[in-house]
Amino acid sequence: MRLWHESLIKALPRQQLLGQHRECCALRGKGWGKKHATVNYVFHYSPYRLFLYHKRIMIEMKKREYNIDPSWEDPYYRGKNSEPHDAESFYGMDANRNIDHPIYPEHNNSYLQECIDNLREKGVILSNR
């Protein structure tokens, strides 16, 4: 799984948007720190960035009237089977909480094209970007 380029969030079809929510939940929970080639860059930053990204996913889900467990809106929440983050480890190197956009610097133009190509291979053509 991957984190789609954040500029694509609003245009993601239902299946990809809901899948992205599940991926964020998994990464925020027991998946935090578990290596996976397409998302390893996430672990180079504090969990705060993943929360910010996930928050964008949840905002889009709410716009589409999908139900979200409100527990995920708590930045420290990591799921039912994981202990919450403490503030120091949660913010880590992002303690000033001033995150530029994109949230992840890896979400550059090259990555955007890679995501668009990946979606196209799945038969998903984004028309309302």
N, C-alpha and C. Protein backbone atom coordinates (compact mmCIF):
# COMPACT_ATOMS: atom_id res chain seq x y z
N MET A 1 0.85 -1.18 0.00
CA MET A 1 0.00 0.00 0.00
C MET A 1 0.89 1.24 0.00
N ARG A 2 0.33 2.33 -0.37
CA ARG A 2 1.06 3.59 -0.41
C ARG A 2 0.21 4.70 0.17
N LEU A 3 0.85 5.80 0.48
CA LEU A 3 0.10 7.01 0.79
C LEU A 3 0.04 7.78 -0.52
N TRP A 4 -1.16 8.01 -1.01
CA TRP A 4 -1.32 8.74 -2.26
C TRP A 4 -0.83 10.17 -2.06
N HIS A 5 -0.34 10.75 -3.13
CA HIS A 5 0.08 12.16 -3.11
C HIS A 5 -1.08 12.97 -2.55
N GLU A 6 -0.77 13.85 -1.60
CA GLU A 6 -1.86 14.55 -0.91
C GLU A 6 -2.73 15.42 -1.82
N SER A 7 -2.22 15.83 -2.97
CA SER A 7 -3.05 16.63 -3.87
C SER A 7 -4.12 15.78 -4.56
N LEU A 8 -4.01 14.46 -4.46
CA LEU A 8 -4.99 13.56 -5.09
C LEU A 8 -6.13 13.17 -4.16
N ILE A 9 -6.03 13.49 -2.90
CA ILE A 9 -7.00 13.01 -1.91
C ILE A 9 -8.43 13.32 -2.31
N LYS A 10 -8.70 14.55 -2.71
CA LYS A 10 -10.07 14.95 -3.05
C LYS A 10 -10.61 14.22 -4.28
N ALA A 11 -9.73 13.72 -5.13
CA ALA A 11 -10.15 13.07 -6.36
C ALA A 11 -10.16 11.54 -6.27
N LEU A 12 -9.71 11.00 -5.15
CA LEU A 12 -9.64 9.54 -5.03
C LEU A 12 -11.04 8.92 -5.06
N PRO A 13 -11.20 7.85 -5.83
CA PRO A 13 -12.47 7.13 -5.79
C PRO A 13 -12.68 6.49 -4.41
N ARG A 14 -13.89 6.10 -4.16
CA ARG A 14 -14.29 5.55 -2.86
C ARG A 14 -13.33 4.45 -2.38
N GLN A 15 -13.06 3.48 -3.23
CA GLN A 15 -12.23 2.35 -2.82
C GLN A 15 -10.84 2.79 -2.37
N GLN A 16 -10.23 3.71 -3.12
CA GLN A 16 -8.89 4.17 -2.75
C GLN A 16 -8.93 5.06 -1.51
N LEU A 17 -9.96 5.87 -1.36
CA LEU A 17 -10.06 6.73 -0.18
C LEU A 17 -10.23 5.89 1.08
N LEU A 18 -11.13 4.93 1.03
CA LEU A 18 -11.35 4.08 2.20
C LEU A 18 -10.11 3.22 2.48
N GLY A 19 -9.45 2.77 1.43
CA GLY A 19 -8.21 2.02 1.60
C GLY A 19 -7.13 2.87 2.24
N GLN A 20 -7.11 4.14 1.88
CA GLN A 20 -6.12 5.05 2.45
C GLN A 20 -6.38 5.26 3.93
N HIS A 21 -7.65 5.34 4.30
CA HIS A 21 -8.00 5.46 5.72
C HIS A 21 -7.51 4.22 6.48
N ARG A 22 -7.77 3.05 5.93
CA ARG A 22 -7.31 1.81 6.59
C ARG A 22 -5.79 1.77 6.70
N GLU A 23 -5.11 2.21 5.65
CA GLU A 23 -3.64 2.23 5.68
C GLU A 23 -3.13 3.19 6.76
N CYS A 24 -3.73 4.35 6.85
CA CYS A 24 -3.33 5.31 7.89
C CYS A 24 -3.57 4.74 9.27
N CYS A 25 -4.71 4.10 9.47
CA CYS A 25 -5.01 3.49 10.78
C CYS A 25 -3.96 2.44 11.11
N ALA A 26 -3.62 1.60 10.13
CA ALA A 26 -2.62 0.55 10.36
C ALA A 26 -1.26 1.15 10.68
N LEU A 27 -0.85 2.16 9.92
CA LEU A 27 0.45 2.80 10.15
C LEU A 27 0.49 3.51 11.50
N ARG A 28 -0.59 4.14 11.87
CA ARG A 28 -0.64 4.83 13.16
C ARG A 28 -0.62 3.85 14.32
N GLY A 29 -1.11 2.65 14.10
CA GLY A 29 -1.19 1.65 15.15
C GLY A 29 0.05 0.76 15.17
N LYS A 30 -0.17 -0.53 15.13
CA LYS A 30 0.92 -1.49 15.26
C LYS A 30 1.87 -1.49 14.06
N GLY A 31 1.47 -0.85 12.96
CA GLY A 31 2.33 -0.78 11.79
C GLY A 31 3.41 0.28 11.88
N TRP A 32 3.33 1.12 12.94
CA TRP A 32 4.32 2.20 13.07
C TRP A 32 5.71 1.59 13.21
N GLY A 33 6.59 1.97 12.28
CA GLY A 33 7.98 1.52 12.32
C GLY A 33 8.23 0.22 11.58
N LYS A 34 7.18 -0.45 11.12
CA LYS A 34 7.36 -1.70 10.37
C LYS A 34 7.65 -1.36 8.91
N LYS A 35 8.79 -1.82 8.45
CA LYS A 35 9.25 -1.44 7.12
C LYS A 35 8.35 -1.99 6.02
N HIS A 36 8.12 -1.13 5.04
CA HIS A 36 7.41 -1.48 3.81
C HIS A 36 7.93 -0.53 2.76
N ALA A 37 8.38 -1.06 1.66
CA ALA A 37 9.10 -0.27 0.65
C ALA A 37 8.40 1.04 0.26
N THR A 38 7.09 1.00 0.09
CA THR A 38 6.41 2.21 -0.42
C THR A 38 6.11 3.25 0.65
N VAL A 39 6.21 2.89 1.92
CA VAL A 39 5.90 3.87 2.97
C VAL A 39 7.02 4.09 3.97
N ASN A 40 8.20 3.54 3.72
CA ASN A 40 9.31 3.70 4.67
C ASN A 40 9.61 5.15 5.00
N TYR A 41 9.44 6.04 4.05
CA TYR A 41 9.77 7.46 4.28
C TYR A 41 8.95 8.04 5.43
N VAL A 42 7.76 7.51 5.68
CA VAL A 42 6.90 8.01 6.75
C VAL A 42 7.62 7.93 8.10
N PHE A 43 8.44 6.89 8.28
CA PHE A 43 9.10 6.66 9.56
C PHE A 43 10.33 7.54 9.77
N HIS A 44 10.68 8.35 8.77
CA HIS A 44 11.79 9.30 8.92
C HIS A 44 11.32 10.58 9.62
N TYR A 45 10.01 10.66 9.85
CA TYR A 45 9.41 11.85 10.45
C TYR A 45 8.65 11.45 11.71
N SER A 46 8.17 12.44 12.43
CA SER A 46 7.39 12.16 13.63
C SER A 46 6.01 11.62 13.25
N PRO A 47 5.37 10.89 14.16
CA PRO A 47 4.01 10.41 13.92
C PRO A 47 3.01 11.55 13.70
N TYR A 48 3.38 12.74 14.12
CA TYR A 48 2.52 13.91 13.93
C TYR A 48 2.20 14.12 12.44
N ARG A 49 3.18 13.94 11.59
CA ARG A 49 2.94 14.13 10.15
C ARG A 49 1.93 13.12 9.62
N LEU A 50 2.03 11.90 10.08
CA LEU A 50 1.07 10.89 9.64
C LEU A 50 -0.33 11.27 10.12
N PHE A 51 -0.43 11.79 11.32
CA PHE A 51 -1.73 12.25 11.81
C PHE A 51 -2.27 13.37 10.91
N LEU A 52 -1.42 14.33 10.54
CA LEU A 52 -1.87 15.43 9.68
C LEU A 52 -2.37 14.90 8.33
N TYR A 53 -1.64 13.96 7.78
CA TYR A 53 -2.05 13.36 6.50
C TYR A 53 -3.38 12.63 6.69
N HIS A 54 -3.47 11.82 7.73
CA HIS A 54 -4.70 11.06 8.00
C HIS A 54 -5.87 12.01 8.21
N LYS A 55 -5.62 13.13 8.86
CA LYS A 55 -6.68 14.13 9.09
C LYS A 55 -7.25 14.61 7.75
N ARG A 56 -6.40 14.80 6.76
CA ARG A 56 -6.89 15.21 5.43
C ARG A 56 -7.77 14.12 4.82
N ILE A 57 -7.38 12.88 5.03
CA ILE A 57 -8.19 11.77 4.54
C ILE A 57 -9.56 11.79 5.23
N MET A 58 -9.55 11.98 6.55
CA MET A 58 -10.80 11.97 7.31
C MET A 58 -11.70 13.15 6.93
N ILE A 59 -11.12 14.29 6.65
CA ILE A 59 -11.91 15.45 6.22
C ILE A 59 -12.63 15.13 4.92
N GLU A 60 -11.92 14.52 3.99
CA GLU A 60 -12.53 14.15 2.72
C GLU A 60 -13.61 13.09 2.93
N MET A 61 -13.36 12.15 3.81
CA MET A 61 -14.37 11.12 4.09
C MET A 61 -15.64 11.75 4.66
N LYS A 62 -15.48 12.71 5.55
CA LYS A 62 -16.65 13.38 6.12
C LYS A 62 -17.42 14.15 5.05
N LYS A 63 -16.70 14.80 4.14
CA LYS A 63 -17.37 15.51 3.05
C LYS A 63 -18.25 14.57 2.24
N ARG A 64 -17.79 13.33 2.12
CA ARG A 64 -18.55 12.32 1.36
C ARG A 64 -19.52 11.55 2.24
N GLU A 65 -19.63 11.99 3.49
CA GLU A 65 -20.57 11.43 4.46
C GLU A 65 -20.27 9.98 4.82
N TYR A 66 -18.99 9.62 4.85
CA TYR A 66 -18.57 8.31 5.34
C TYR A 66 -18.41 8.41 6.85
N ASN A 67 -18.67 7.31 7.52
CA ASN A 67 -18.54 7.28 8.98
C ASN A 67 -17.10 6.96 9.37
N ILE A 68 -16.64 7.68 10.38
CA ILE A 68 -15.29 7.49 10.90
C ILE A 68 -15.41 7.32 12.41
N ASP A 69 -14.67 6.38 12.94
CA ASP A 69 -14.60 6.24 14.39
C ASP A 69 -13.94 7.52 14.92
N PRO A 70 -14.64 8.29 15.74
CA PRO A 70 -14.09 9.57 16.21
C PRO A 70 -12.79 9.42 17.00
N SER A 71 -12.49 8.22 17.47
CA SER A 71 -11.23 8.01 18.19
C SER A 71 -10.03 8.40 17.35
N TRP A 72 -10.13 8.21 16.02
CA TRP A 72 -8.99 8.51 15.14
C TRP A 72 -8.70 10.00 15.04
N GLU A 73 -9.63 10.83 15.48
CA GLU A 73 -9.41 12.27 15.44
C GLU A 73 -8.53 12.75 16.60
N ASP A 74 -8.29 11.87 17.55
CA ASP A 74 -7.36 12.14 18.64
C ASP A 74 -5.95 11.89 18.10
N PRO A 75 -5.10 12.91 18.06
CA PRO A 75 -3.78 12.73 17.44
C PRO A 75 -2.92 11.64 18.09
N TYR A 76 -3.16 11.37 19.36
CA TYR A 76 -2.34 10.39 20.07
C TYR A 76 -2.87 8.96 19.93
N TYR A 77 -4.10 8.83 19.46
CA TYR A 77 -4.74 7.52 19.35
C TYR A 77 -4.02 6.65 18.33
N ARG A 78 -3.87 5.36 18.68
CA ARG A 78 -3.15 4.43 17.81
C ARG A 78 -3.93 3.15 17.57
N GLY A 79 -5.20 3.16 17.89
CA GLY A 79 -6.01 1.97 17.73
C GLY A 79 -6.25 1.30 19.07
N LYS A 80 -7.15 0.33 19.05
CA LYS A 80 -7.56 -0.34 20.30
C LYS A 80 -6.45 -1.19 20.90
N ASN A 81 -5.50 -1.62 20.07
CA ASN A 81 -4.47 -2.55 20.55
C ASN A 81 -3.09 -1.92 20.71
N SER A 82 -3.03 -0.61 20.66
CA SER A 82 -1.74 0.07 20.81
C SER A 82 -1.85 1.17 21.86
N GLU A 83 -0.79 1.36 22.59
CA GLU A 83 -0.75 2.44 23.57
C GLU A 83 -0.68 3.78 22.84
N PRO A 84 -1.33 4.81 23.36
CA PRO A 84 -1.25 6.13 22.74
C PRO A 84 0.18 6.65 22.75
N HIS A 85 0.47 7.52 21.82
CA HIS A 85 1.78 8.20 21.82
C HIS A 85 1.84 9.16 23.00
N ASP A 86 3.03 9.38 23.50
CA ASP A 86 3.21 10.48 24.45
C ASP A 86 3.62 11.69 23.61
N ALA A 87 3.38 12.87 24.13
CA ALA A 87 3.60 14.10 23.36
C ALA A 87 5.03 14.22 22.85
N GLU A 88 6.00 13.86 23.65
CA GLU A 88 7.40 14.02 23.24
C GLU A 88 7.73 13.15 22.03
N SER A 89 7.33 11.88 22.06
CA SER A 89 7.63 11.00 20.92
C SER A 89 6.72 11.31 19.74
N PHE A 90 5.51 11.81 20.02
CA PHE A 90 4.57 12.10 18.95
C PHE A 90 5.05 13.24 18.06
N TYR A 91 5.48 14.32 18.68
CA TYR A 91 5.91 15.48 17.90
C TYR A 91 7.37 15.38 17.49
N GLY A 92 8.20 14.77 18.33
CA GLY A 92 9.60 14.54 18.00
C GLY A 92 10.26 15.74 17.35
N MET A 93 10.86 15.50 16.19
CA MET A 93 11.59 16.57 15.49
C MET A 93 10.66 17.63 14.91
N ASP A 94 9.35 17.38 14.93
CA ASP A 94 8.38 18.36 14.43
C ASP A 94 7.75 19.14 15.58
N ALA A 95 8.52 19.32 16.65
CA ALA A 95 7.99 19.93 17.87
C ALA A 95 7.42 21.32 17.63
N ASN A 96 7.94 22.04 16.65
CA ASN A 96 7.40 23.38 16.41
C ASN A 96 6.05 23.32 15.68
N ARG A 97 5.70 22.16 15.17
CA ARG A 97 4.41 21.89 14.53
C ARG A 97 4.14 22.76 13.32
N ASN A 98 5.16 23.34 12.76
CA ASN A 98 5.03 24.10 11.52
C ASN A 98 5.44 23.21 10.37
N ILE A 99 4.49 22.57 9.76
CA ILE A 99 4.77 21.63 8.69
C ILE A 99 4.41 22.30 7.37
N ASP A 100 5.36 22.33 6.47
CA ASP A 100 5.10 22.86 5.14
C ASP A 100 4.27 21.87 4.34
N HIS A 101 3.74 22.36 3.26
CA HIS A 101 3.00 21.50 2.35
C HIS A 101 3.86 21.26 1.14
N PRO A 102 3.99 20.05 0.71
CA PRO A 102 3.25 18.90 1.21
C PRO A 102 3.74 18.46 2.59
N ILE A 103 2.92 17.69 3.26
CA ILE A 103 3.26 17.19 4.59
C ILE A 103 4.55 16.38 4.53
N TYR A 104 4.65 15.55 3.50
CA TYR A 104 5.87 14.75 3.28
C TYR A 104 6.59 15.32 2.07
N PRO A 105 7.85 15.75 2.23
CA PRO A 105 8.60 16.29 1.10
C PRO A 105 8.70 15.30 -0.08
N GLU A 106 8.57 14.02 0.22
CA GLU A 106 8.63 13.00 -0.83
C GLU A 106 7.44 13.10 -1.78
N HIS A 107 6.40 13.79 -1.37
CA HIS A 107 5.22 13.96 -2.22
C HIS A 107 5.45 15.13 -3.18
N ASN A 108 6.43 14.94 -4.04
CA ASN A 108 6.80 15.96 -5.02
C ASN A 108 6.12 15.66 -6.36
N ASN A 109 6.47 16.40 -7.40
CA ASN A 109 5.84 16.22 -8.72
C ASN A 109 6.11 14.84 -9.31
N SER A 110 7.30 14.33 -9.09
CA SER A 110 7.64 12.99 -9.57
C SER A 110 6.75 11.94 -8.90
N TYR A 111 6.57 12.08 -7.59
CA TYR A 111 5.73 11.14 -6.86
C TYR A 111 4.26 11.27 -7.28
N LEU A 112 3.84 12.49 -7.56
CA LEU A 112 2.48 12.72 -8.05
C LEU A 112 2.26 11.94 -9.33
N GLN A 113 3.19 12.04 -10.26
CA GLN A 113 3.05 11.31 -11.53
C GLN A 113 3.07 9.81 -11.30
N GLU A 114 3.91 9.36 -10.39
CA GLU A 114 3.97 7.93 -10.05
C GLU A 114 2.62 7.45 -9.52
N CYS A 115 1.98 8.24 -8.68
CA CYS A 115 0.67 7.89 -8.14
C CYS A 115 -0.40 7.87 -9.24
N ILE A 116 -0.37 8.86 -10.10
CA ILE A 116 -1.34 8.92 -11.21
C ILE A 116 -1.17 7.70 -12.10
N ASP A 117 0.09 7.35 -12.41
CA ASP A 117 0.36 6.17 -13.24
C ASP A 117 -0.12 4.90 -12.55
N ASN A 118 0.12 4.81 -11.24
CA ASN A 118 -0.29 3.64 -10.47
C ASN A 118 -1.81 3.49 -10.49
N LEU A 119 -2.51 4.59 -10.31
CA LEU A 119 -3.97 4.55 -10.36
C LEU A 119 -4.45 4.15 -11.76
N ARG A 120 -3.82 4.70 -12.78
CA ARG A 120 -4.20 4.38 -14.16
C ARG A 120 -4.05 2.87 -14.42
N GLU A 121 -2.96 2.29 -13.90
CA GLU A 121 -2.75 0.84 -14.04
C GLU A 121 -3.85 0.04 -13.38
N LYS A 122 -4.48 0.62 -12.38
CA LYS A 122 -5.60 -0.03 -11.68
C LYS A 122 -6.92 0.27 -12.36
N GLY A 123 -6.87 1.02 -13.46
CA GLY A 123 -8.09 1.37 -14.18
C GLY A 123 -8.78 2.61 -13.64
N VAL A 124 -8.08 3.38 -12.81
CA VAL A 124 -8.66 4.59 -12.22
C VAL A 124 -8.11 5.80 -12.96
N ILE A 125 -8.99 6.51 -13.61
CA ILE A 125 -8.62 7.75 -14.29
C ILE A 125 -9.23 8.91 -13.49
N LEU A 126 -8.39 9.78 -13.01
CA LEU A 126 -8.85 10.90 -12.19
C LEU A 126 -9.26 12.04 -13.11
N SER A 127 -10.52 12.45 -12.98
CA SER A 127 -10.99 13.51 -13.85
C SER A 127 -11.25 14.81 -13.12
N ASN A 128 -11.45 14.76 -11.82
CA ASN A 128 -11.83 15.99 -11.10
C ASN A 128 -10.74 16.44 -10.14
N ARG A 129 -9.52 16.53 -10.62
CA ARG A 129 -8.41 16.99 -9.79
C ARG A 129 -8.44 18.44 -9.72
